Amino acid sequence: MSGVKALLTLALLGLGGSSLQSLAEPAALAQCHRIGLRACPQPFDENLPPARDMLTWTQAERVVGFRNTYRQYPGDVFHADPAHVLALSRMQTGLPPLRYSMDHHDWGLDDYLQHQSVTGLLVLKDGRIAYEHYARGNTQSTLWTSRSVAKSVVSILVGIAIREGRIKSVDSAITDYLPDLKRTAWEGVSLRSLLQHTSGVAWNENYADPKSDFAQLTRCEARDDAYECVWKLVRSVKRRPGVKPGEIWSYNTGGAWLVGRVLESATGMTLAHYLETRLWRRVGMESDGVWEALLAGKVDMGGHGFNATLRDWGRFGWFVARGGRLPDGQALLPEDWMSQSTAWTQARGSVTPATPQGMYGYQWWHLPAPQGSGEDVKATAGQTIWGEGIFGQVLAVNAHSHLVMVQWSTYKDADGPDALSDEQLLFFHAIDESLRAP
């Protein structure tokens, strides 16, 4: 490629100097252009693991798959505004040395990165970067998949739609927006129950069971007829005998997809377009992102499928920490939306001996302090809300401490042992302690 042609390619695709390396890969540039991205995320891996086998990838395959998920399915791009980027300055002191105790051992930052199989970690304090780390070849331009942390993004978008009057109330029946669900197991379910995963609809979320509803959902998404396959699966499930909506909490990605469908029906937009116009460009995100689509331009996957850079994930977390306010202070959410979202459901399954106040809200998690923790750790647990995705994806937000943590990981197993969740909280508490003003 001549120098003139290279410059023309940069101008046409809107690529900056950081993408010069990808000019040696015209096929990659062409694919990014077809997707609608203005810049090609790096690294751009040539060989990708089969999408239908996502639940059984090796950890090495998972690294490649998770940073290329935006290429493995049809997708809808949500664009940033290059003229309006929220700068993230760095703290002069950075992250001080920290220690946390677990299993009768003292651990530090490097231990955490190893235990959690971390491929990206960002810590923001007061909207400034205290720590930023990339591993396994990931970079600042990498678009990493959210898995179920996307559910928390959808929850925020629902709040915006309610403030705009596009959705009447969380107490509205979902069939008001999705009438095709009448005379199915979903009839009589409110948006609130859908958000809290207390619909009473039977759904097997077991990631280790190849016959589970979630495993079938994963295979559906990899098909050419993804929308029809997912719709048939979700529409055909049954109610739990004798269980009314609101009585039992049971995690349900099929129901979470329907939360997204309610939002799309109410707004007349895909999740990606609503996110772009209502939040992404207004908050000041730096990079374009991609939302997995079941029907490009029409139906996105609201249960997961959100792909963005580490720093833009951090900017989203900072928006949440500020109560859903833009940098200029303008509120996008109803005044009580975050308090509603974190009023943990008291349904059976959410209330446990470890979480007597409940563990789940409007698609946000409450992580309890590990048994035997001190009052300071319990205070952090009570103040922090979590977006969690399988294989170790994390968004932690503590509005009280103005602290945000984003974590990309590739656990060996989808859920991981409880000890890894305990470690997330203990590590986050150690960060909070280390960054407190003397």
Protein backbone atom coordinates (compact mmCIF):
# COMPACT_ATOMS: atom_id res chain seq x y z
CA MET A 1 0.00 0.00 0.00
CA SER A 2 1.47 3.36 -0.99
CA GLY A 3 1.84 6.20 1.52
CA VAL A 4 -0.95 8.14 -0.20
CA LYS A 5 -3.31 5.19 -0.05
CA ALA A 6 -2.47 4.63 3.61
CA LEU A 7 -3.33 8.22 4.45
CA LEU A 8 -6.57 7.94 2.48
CA THR A 9 -7.47 4.79 4.38
CA LEU A 10 -6.88 6.57 7.69
CA ALA A 11 -9.00 9.50 6.64
CA LEU A 12 -11.89 7.40 5.35
CA LEU A 13 -12.05 5.13 8.37
CA GLY A 14 -11.32 7.82 10.95
CA LEU A 15 -8.38 5.86 12.35
CA GLY A 16 -5.72 7.54 14.48
CA GLY A 17 -2.01 6.95 14.72
CA SER A 18 -2.54 4.17 17.25
CA SER A 19 -4.01 2.04 14.45
CA LEU A 20 -1.06 2.35 12.05
CA GLN A 21 -0.07 -1.21 12.87
CA SER A 22 -3.38 -2.52 11.62
CA LEU A 23 -2.76 -1.01 8.18
CA ALA A 24 -0.66 -4.10 7.55
CA GLU A 25 -3.89 -6.08 8.00
CA PRO A 26 -6.32 -4.84 5.34
CA ALA A 27 -8.72 -7.69 6.03
CA ALA A 28 -8.95 -6.61 9.68
CA LEU A 29 -9.56 -3.00 8.70
CA ALA A 30 -12.24 -4.03 6.25
CA GLN A 31 -14.00 -6.13 8.87
CA CYS A 32 -13.92 -3.31 11.44
CA HIS A 33 -15.27 -0.95 8.80
CA ARG A 34 -18.11 -3.35 7.94
CA ILE A 35 -19.01 -3.60 11.62
CA GLY A 36 -19.16 0.19 11.76
CA LEU A 37 -16.22 0.88 14.06
CA ARG A 38 -14.12 3.95 13.37
CA ALA A 39 -11.00 2.31 14.81
CA CYS A 40 -9.91 -1.31 14.88
CA PRO A 41 -9.50 -2.65 18.43
CA GLN A 42 -6.15 -4.22 19.24
CA PRO A 43 -5.17 -6.97 19.31
CA PHE A 44 -7.13 -8.25 16.33
CA ASP A 45 -6.73 -12.02 16.59
CA GLU A 46 -6.88 -13.98 13.36
CA ASN A 47 -8.18 -17.31 14.64
CA LEU A 48 -11.22 -17.27 16.90
CA PRO A 49 -12.73 -20.13 18.91
CA PRO A 50 -16.24 -21.25 17.84
CA ALA A 51 -18.87 -19.01 19.43
CA ARG A 52 -21.27 -21.89 20.05
CA ASP A 53 -18.66 -23.51 22.34
CA MET A 54 -18.20 -20.42 24.55
CA LEU A 55 -19.03 -22.27 27.77
CA THR A 56 -16.35 -24.90 27.16
CA TRP A 57 -13.50 -22.77 25.80
CA THR A 58 -10.12 -23.23 27.42
CA GLN A 59 -8.79 -20.25 29.34
CA ALA A 60 -6.44 -19.44 26.46
CA GLU A 61 -9.36 -19.58 24.01
CA ARG A 62 -11.39 -17.43 26.37
CA VAL A 63 -8.84 -14.61 26.24
CA VAL A 64 -9.09 -14.51 22.46
CA GLY A 65 -12.83 -15.08 22.38
CA PHE A 66 -13.73 -12.44 24.97
CA ARG A 67 -11.73 -9.69 23.26
CA ASN A 68 -13.17 -10.60 19.87
CA THR A 69 -16.78 -11.32 20.83
CA TYR A 70 -17.82 -8.18 18.95
CA ARG A 71 -16.76 -9.99 15.75
CA GLN A 72 -18.32 -13.37 16.49
CA TYR A 73 -21.95 -12.29 16.27
CA PRO A 74 -23.87 -9.65 14.34
CA GLY A 75 -23.63 -6.41 16.31
CA ASP A 76 -24.96 -2.88 16.66
CA VAL A 77 -22.33 -0.19 17.23
CA PHE A 78 -22.82 2.58 19.77
CA HIS A 79 -20.64 5.52 18.78
CA ALA A 80 -18.67 7.88 20.98
CA ASP A 81 -18.41 11.59 20.21
CA PRO A 82 -14.72 12.39 19.54
CA ALA A 83 -15.39 16.07 20.21
CA HIS A 84 -16.81 15.35 23.66
CA VAL A 85 -14.61 12.97 25.66
CA LEU A 86 -14.56 12.87 29.45
CA ALA A 87 -10.86 12.99 30.31
CA LEU A 88 -9.61 10.58 32.94
CA SER A 89 -6.61 12.12 34.64
CA ARG A 90 -4.23 10.02 36.69
CA MET A 91 -3.81 10.35 40.42
CA GLN A 92 -0.31 11.64 41.15
CA THR A 93 0.27 9.05 43.85
CA GLY A 94 -1.41 6.16 42.07
CA LEU A 95 -2.52 3.10 44.04
CA PRO A 96 -0.57 2.79 47.30
CA PRO A 97 0.72 -0.64 48.35
CA LEU A 98 -2.16 -2.66 49.77
CA ARG A 99 -2.68 -5.92 51.60
CA TYR A 100 -5.74 -8.03 52.32
CA SER A 101 -6.19 -11.12 54.46
CA MET A 102 -7.90 -14.28 53.27
CA ASP A 103 -7.62 -17.95 54.24
CA HIS A 104 -5.15 -17.04 56.99
CA HIS A 105 -2.77 -15.45 54.48
CA ASP A 106 -1.88 -11.88 53.60
CA TRP A 107 -2.07 -11.09 49.91
CA GLY A 108 -1.22 -8.16 47.68
CA LEU A 109 -2.01 -6.75 44.25
CA ASP A 110 0.07 -9.24 42.26
CA ASP A 111 -1.55 -12.13 44.12
CA TYR A 112 -5.00 -10.81 43.28
CA LEU A 113 -4.17 -10.49 39.57
CA GLN A 114 -3.00 -14.10 39.55
CA HIS A 115 -5.81 -15.59 41.64
CA GLN A 116 -8.49 -13.85 39.57
CA SER A 117 -6.92 -14.57 36.13
CA VAL A 118 -7.12 -10.84 35.45
CA THR A 119 -6.68 -9.60 31.88
CA GLY A 120 -7.66 -5.99 32.64
CA LEU A 121 -8.14 -3.97 35.83
CA LEU A 122 -9.06 -0.32 36.31
CA VAL A 123 -9.54 1.58 39.56
CA LEU A 124 -11.05 5.09 39.57
CA LYS A 125 -11.09 7.29 42.66
CA ASP A 126 -13.03 10.55 42.38
CA GLY A 127 -13.11 9.98 38.62
CA ARG A 128 -9.31 9.75 38.33
CA ILE A 129 -7.22 6.72 37.44
CA ALA A 130 -5.57 5.21 40.49
CA TYR A 131 -4.56 1.99 38.73
CA GLU A 132 -4.76 0.60 35.20
CA HIS A 133 -3.50 -2.82 34.13
CA TYR A 134 -3.70 -4.87 30.93
CA ALA A 135 -2.56 -8.48 30.51
CA ARG A 136 -2.51 -11.27 27.92
CA GLY A 137 -2.01 -8.76 25.10
CA ASN A 138 -5.03 -6.57 25.87
CA THR A 139 -4.68 -2.82 25.25
CA GLN A 140 -6.52 0.44 25.85
CA SER A 141 -8.40 -0.13 22.57
CA THR A 142 -9.50 -3.71 23.35
CA LEU A 143 -13.27 -4.26 23.33
CA TRP A 144 -13.81 -6.92 26.01
CA THR A 145 -17.15 -8.61 26.44
CA SER A 146 -19.19 -7.85 29.54
CA ARG A 147 -21.08 -11.10 29.88
CA SER A 148 -23.82 -10.41 32.44
CA VAL A 149 -22.46 -7.06 33.61
CA ALA A 150 -24.52 -5.90 30.61
CA LYS A 151 -27.63 -6.57 32.69
CA SER A 152 -26.64 -3.69 34.98
CA VAL A 153 -26.24 -1.42 31.94
CA VAL A 154 -29.74 -2.36 30.79
CA SER A 155 -31.06 -1.60 34.28
CA ILE A 156 -29.67 1.94 34.00
CA LEU A 157 -31.22 2.35 30.54
CA VAL A 158 -34.61 1.28 31.93
CA GLY A 159 -34.30 4.01 34.54
CA ILE A 160 -33.57 6.58 31.83
CA ALA A 161 -36.59 5.38 29.83
CA ILE A 162 -38.83 5.75 32.89
CA ARG A 163 -37.59 9.29 33.48
CA GLU A 164 -38.35 10.08 29.83
CA GLY A 165 -41.86 8.63 30.19
CA ARG A 166 -41.26 5.94 27.58
CA ILE A 167 -41.85 3.22 30.20
CA LYS A 168 -44.70 3.99 32.56
CA SER A 169 -43.53 2.11 35.64
CA VAL A 170 -41.64 -0.95 36.85
CA ASP A 171 -45.06 -2.19 37.96
CA SER A 172 -46.27 -2.29 34.35
CA ALA A 173 -47.01 -5.74 32.96
CA ILE A 174 -44.37 -6.75 30.43
CA THR A 175 -47.18 -7.80 28.08
CA ASP A 176 -48.09 -4.10 27.81
CA TYR A 177 -44.91 -3.79 25.75
CA LEU A 178 -44.59 -7.37 24.47
CA PRO A 179 -48.16 -8.49 23.69
CA ASP A 180 -46.91 -11.62 21.94
CA LEU A 181 -46.12 -12.97 25.41
CA LYS A 182 -49.79 -13.14 26.34
CA ARG A 183 -50.95 -16.69 27.03
CA THR A 184 -47.38 -17.74 27.84
CA ALA A 185 -45.62 -18.32 31.17
CA TRP A 186 -44.63 -14.64 31.14
CA GLU A 187 -48.19 -13.30 31.31
CA GLY A 188 -48.84 -11.55 34.61
CA VAL A 189 -45.14 -10.75 35.17
CA SER A 190 -44.28 -7.12 35.93
CA LEU A 191 -41.16 -5.32 34.77
CA ARG A 192 -40.11 -5.15 38.42
CA SER A 193 -40.20 -8.95 38.75
CA LEU A 194 -38.33 -9.29 35.49
CA LEU A 195 -35.60 -6.90 36.68
CA GLN A 196 -35.35 -8.68 40.03
CA HIS A 197 -35.38 -12.16 38.45
CA THR A 198 -38.45 -13.12 40.46
CA SER A 199 -40.76 -13.88 37.53
CA GLY A 200 -41.62 -17.38 38.76
CA VAL A 201 -40.81 -18.72 35.29
CA ALA A 202 -38.74 -21.90 35.22
CA TRP A 203 -35.30 -21.42 33.70
CA ASN A 204 -32.16 -23.53 34.09
CA GLU A 205 -29.11 -21.21 34.22
CA ASN A 206 -26.63 -24.02 34.97
CA TYR A 207 -23.51 -23.17 32.96
CA ALA A 208 -22.01 -26.64 33.43
CA ASP A 209 -25.08 -28.45 32.05
CA PRO A 210 -25.00 -28.67 28.24
CA LYS A 211 -28.77 -29.24 28.26
CA SER A 212 -29.59 -26.18 30.39
CA ASP A 213 -31.68 -23.33 29.04
CA PHE A 214 -28.64 -21.06 29.19
CA ALA A 215 -26.51 -23.51 27.20
CA GLN A 216 -29.27 -23.72 24.60
CA LEU A 217 -29.41 -19.92 24.53
CA THR A 218 -25.66 -19.77 23.87
CA ARG A 219 -25.99 -22.17 20.95
CA CYS A 220 -28.97 -20.24 19.59
CA GLU A 221 -26.98 -17.02 19.54
CA ALA A 222 -24.33 -18.62 17.31
CA ARG A 223 -26.88 -19.65 14.68
CA ASP A 224 -27.84 -17.76 11.53
CA ASP A 225 -31.44 -17.67 12.77
CA ALA A 226 -30.42 -16.44 16.23
CA TYR A 227 -33.48 -14.30 16.90
CA GLU A 228 -36.00 -16.99 15.95
CA CYS A 229 -34.12 -19.61 17.98
CA VAL A 230 -33.86 -17.42 21.10
CA TRP A 231 -37.47 -16.24 20.82
CA LYS A 232 -38.75 -19.82 20.55
CA LEU A 233 -36.66 -20.91 23.54
CA VAL A 234 -37.67 -18.05 25.83
CA ARG A 235 -41.33 -18.08 24.80
CA SER A 236 -41.69 -21.83 25.36
CA VAL A 237 -40.58 -22.02 29.01
CA LYS A 238 -43.10 -22.94 31.72
CA ARG A 239 -44.06 -21.43 35.06
CA ARG A 240 -42.94 -23.02 38.29
CA PRO A 241 -46.01 -24.81 39.65
CA GLY A 242 -47.68 -22.81 42.41
CA VAL A 243 -45.14 -19.97 42.29
CA LYS A 244 -46.37 -16.41 41.84
CA PRO A 245 -44.23 -13.55 40.51
CA GLY A 246 -42.18 -11.97 43.28
CA GLU A 247 -42.03 -15.05 45.53
CA ILE A 248 -38.80 -16.79 44.47
CA TRP A 249 -35.55 -15.34 43.17
CA SER A 250 -33.96 -17.38 40.40
CA TYR A 251 -31.31 -15.97 38.07
CA ASN A 252 -32.68 -15.95 34.54
CA THR A 253 -30.83 -14.65 31.48
CA GLY A 254 -33.84 -15.43 29.29
CA GLY A 255 -35.88 -13.03 31.41
CA ALA A 256 -33.06 -10.48 31.28
CA TRP A 257 -33.23 -10.60 27.48
CA LEU A 258 -36.92 -9.72 27.80
CA VAL A 259 -36.02 -6.68 29.93
CA GLY A 260 -34.07 -5.48 26.90
CA ARG A 261 -36.99 -6.30 24.61
CA VAL A 262 -39.35 -4.25 26.80
CA LEU A 263 -36.92 -1.34 26.53
CA GLU A 264 -36.60 -1.71 22.76
CA SER A 265 -40.37 -1.91 22.34
CA ALA A 266 -40.96 1.13 24.56
CA THR A 267 -38.31 3.31 22.89
CA GLY A 268 -38.50 2.08 19.31
CA MET A 269 -34.69 1.74 19.35
CA THR A 270 -32.15 -1.01 19.76
CA LEU A 271 -30.32 -1.10 23.07
CA ALA A 272 -27.19 0.11 21.27
CA HIS A 273 -28.92 3.14 19.74
CA TYR A 274 -30.69 4.09 22.95
CA LEU A 275 -27.43 3.75 24.88
CA GLU A 276 -25.57 5.87 22.33
CA THR A 277 -28.07 8.71 22.18
CA ARG A 278 -29.03 8.83 25.85
CA LEU A 279 -25.78 8.03 27.63
CA TRP A 280 -22.65 7.09 25.66
CA ARG A 281 -22.15 10.33 23.75
CA ARG A 282 -23.45 12.50 26.59
CA VAL A 283 -21.26 11.06 29.34
CA GLY A 284 -18.21 11.50 27.13
CA MET A 285 -17.08 8.00 26.30
CA GLU A 286 -13.85 7.77 24.34
CA SER A 287 -14.40 4.77 22.04
CA ASP A 288 -17.11 3.09 20.06
CA GLY A 289 -18.52 -0.13 21.44
CA VAL A 290 -20.57 -3.01 20.07
CA TRP A 291 -23.70 -4.69 21.41
CA GLU A 292 -24.40 -8.22 20.21
CA ALA A 293 -27.47 -8.25 17.99
CA LEU A 294 -29.86 -11.10 17.32
CA LEU A 295 -31.25 -9.04 14.43
CA ALA A 296 -28.86 -6.27 13.47
CA GLY A 297 -30.51 -2.88 13.77
CA LYS A 298 -33.62 -4.37 15.38
CA VAL A 299 -33.01 -6.68 18.37
CA ASP A 300 -30.01 -6.72 20.71
CA MET A 301 -29.11 -9.30 23.38
CA GLY A 302 -30.05 -7.59 26.64
CA GLY A 303 -28.81 -10.41 28.87
CA HIS A 304 -25.16 -9.91 27.88
CA GLY A 305 -23.24 -9.08 24.70
CA PHE A 306 -21.99 -5.57 25.57
CA ASN A 307 -18.40 -4.90 24.43
CA ALA A 308 -16.41 -1.82 25.42
CA THR A 309 -12.96 -0.62 26.44
CA LEU A 310 -11.76 -0.77 30.02
CA ARG A 311 -11.72 3.00 30.42
CA ASP A 312 -15.23 3.41 29.02
CA TRP A 313 -16.43 0.76 31.45
CA GLY A 314 -14.85 2.93 34.12
CA ARG A 315 -16.60 6.03 32.85
CA PHE A 316 -19.92 4.17 33.01
CA GLY A 317 -19.17 3.12 36.59
CA TRP A 318 -18.34 6.71 37.50
CA PHE A 319 -21.67 7.83 35.99
CA VAL A 320 -23.41 5.31 38.27
CA ALA A 321 -21.35 6.41 41.28
CA ARG A 322 -22.56 9.96 40.64
CA GLY A 323 -26.18 8.78 40.87
CA GLY A 324 -26.72 8.81 37.11
CA ARG A 325 -25.56 12.38 36.55
CA LEU A 326 -23.65 13.75 33.58
CA PRO A 327 -20.38 15.63 34.15
CA ASP A 328 -22.34 18.91 34.14
CA GLY A 329 -24.60 17.59 36.92
CA GLN A 330 -27.66 16.89 34.79
CA ALA A 331 -29.61 13.88 36.08
CA LEU A 332 -30.59 11.18 33.60
CA LEU A 333 -32.24 8.84 36.10
CA PRO A 334 -35.30 9.22 38.30
CA GLU A 335 -34.19 10.63 41.65
CA ASP A 336 -34.80 7.36 43.49
CA TRP A 337 -33.73 4.96 40.75
CA MET A 338 -30.48 3.81 42.33
CA SER A 339 -32.11 3.35 45.73
CA GLN A 340 -34.88 1.32 44.05
CA SER A 341 -32.30 -0.68 42.13
CA THR A 342 -30.44 -1.61 45.31
CA ALA A 343 -33.44 -2.31 47.52
CA TRP A 344 -32.56 -5.99 47.47
CA THR A 345 -35.48 -8.31 46.81
CA GLN A 346 -36.70 -10.28 49.80
CA ALA A 347 -37.83 -13.20 47.65
CA ARG A 348 -36.77 -16.68 48.67
CA GLY A 349 -33.36 -17.45 47.20
CA SER A 350 -32.22 -13.84 47.42
CA VAL A 351 -32.47 -13.89 51.22
CA THR A 352 -29.93 -16.35 52.64
CA PRO A 353 -28.05 -16.69 55.93
CA ALA A 354 -25.17 -14.80 54.29
CA THR A 355 -27.47 -12.16 52.77
CA PRO A 356 -30.34 -11.65 55.20
CA GLN A 357 -31.14 -8.33 53.52
CA GLY A 358 -31.17 -9.95 50.05
CA MET A 359 -28.56 -10.33 47.34
CA TYR A 360 -30.20 -8.97 44.16
CA GLY A 361 -31.89 -5.79 42.99
CA TYR A 362 -32.66 -4.37 39.56
CA GLN A 363 -29.91 -6.45 37.95
CA TRP A 364 -27.30 -5.33 40.50
CA TRP A 365 -25.73 -7.65 43.06
CA HIS A 366 -25.03 -7.27 46.76
CA LEU A 367 -21.93 -9.25 47.79
CA PRO A 368 -21.91 -10.11 51.50
CA ALA A 369 -18.84 -9.75 53.68
CA PRO A 370 -17.11 -13.11 54.20
CA GLN A 371 -17.86 -14.84 57.49
CA GLY A 372 -15.77 -13.43 60.31
CA SER A 373 -15.15 -10.07 58.62
CA GLY A 374 -14.72 -6.96 60.69
CA GLU A 375 -17.15 -4.06 60.79
CA ASP A 376 -15.06 -2.08 58.30
CA VAL A 377 -15.38 -4.82 55.65
CA LYS A 378 -19.09 -5.13 56.38
CA ALA A 379 -19.45 -1.38 55.85
CA THR A 380 -17.77 -1.65 52.44
CA ALA A 381 -20.04 -4.56 51.53
CA GLY A 382 -23.11 -2.53 52.47
CA GLN A 383 -22.01 0.47 50.42
CA THR A 384 -20.90 -1.32 47.25
CA ILE A 385 -23.02 -2.52 44.34
CA TRP A 386 -21.77 -5.05 41.82
CA GLY A 387 -22.31 -5.89 38.19
CA GLU A 388 -21.11 -9.47 37.78
CA GLY A 389 -20.55 -11.62 34.71
CA ILE A 390 -19.49 -15.24 34.32
CA PHE A 391 -15.80 -16.08 34.20
CA GLY A 392 -14.97 -13.14 36.49
CA GLN A 393 -16.24 -9.94 34.84
CA VAL A 394 -16.80 -7.22 37.45
CA LEU A 395 -18.05 -3.67 37.84
CA ALA A 396 -17.91 -2.52 41.47
CA VAL A 397 -19.28 0.89 42.46
CA ASN A 398 -19.07 2.51 45.89
CA ALA A 399 -20.75 5.90 45.63
CA HIS A 400 -19.95 6.67 49.27
CA SER A 401 -16.20 6.39 48.63
CA HIS A 402 -16.36 7.68 45.03
CA LEU A 403 -14.64 4.43 44.05
CA VAL A 404 -15.06 2.30 40.91
CA MET A 405 -13.35 -0.95 39.90
CA VAL A 406 -13.62 -2.71 36.54
CA GLN A 407 -12.22 -6.20 36.13
CA TRP A 408 -11.80 -8.43 33.09
CA SER A 409 -11.03 -12.06 33.81
CA THR A 410 -10.98 -15.57 32.39
CA TYR A 411 -11.83 -17.89 35.24
CA LYS A 412 -11.44 -21.60 34.59
CA ASP A 413 -15.15 -22.12 35.35
CA ALA A 414 -18.12 -19.89 34.63
CA ASP A 415 -19.15 -19.31 38.25
CA GLY A 416 -15.85 -19.83 39.99
CA PRO A 417 -15.71 -20.82 43.66
CA ASP A 418 -17.27 -18.54 46.29
CA ALA A 419 -13.76 -17.72 47.47
CA LEU A 420 -13.17 -15.67 44.33
CA SER A 421 -16.22 -13.49 45.06
CA ASP A 422 -15.06 -13.10 48.66
CA GLU A 423 -11.65 -12.07 47.38
CA GLN A 424 -13.17 -9.43 45.10
CA LEU A 425 -14.84 -7.73 48.05
CA LEU A 426 -11.78 -7.99 50.31
CA PHE A 427 -9.54 -6.59 47.59
CA PHE A 428 -11.96 -3.76 46.83
CA HIS A 429 -12.10 -2.94 50.53
CA ALA A 430 -8.29 -2.88 50.64
CA ILE A 431 -8.29 -0.42 47.72
CA ASP A 432 -10.82 1.76 49.53
CA GLU A 433 -8.72 1.74 52.68
CA SER A 434 -5.49 2.52 50.83
CA LEU A 435 -6.97 5.48 48.95
CA ARG A 436 -8.64 7.18 51.89
CA ALA A 437 -7.24 10.58 52.66
CA PRO A 438 -5.01 10.55 55.77
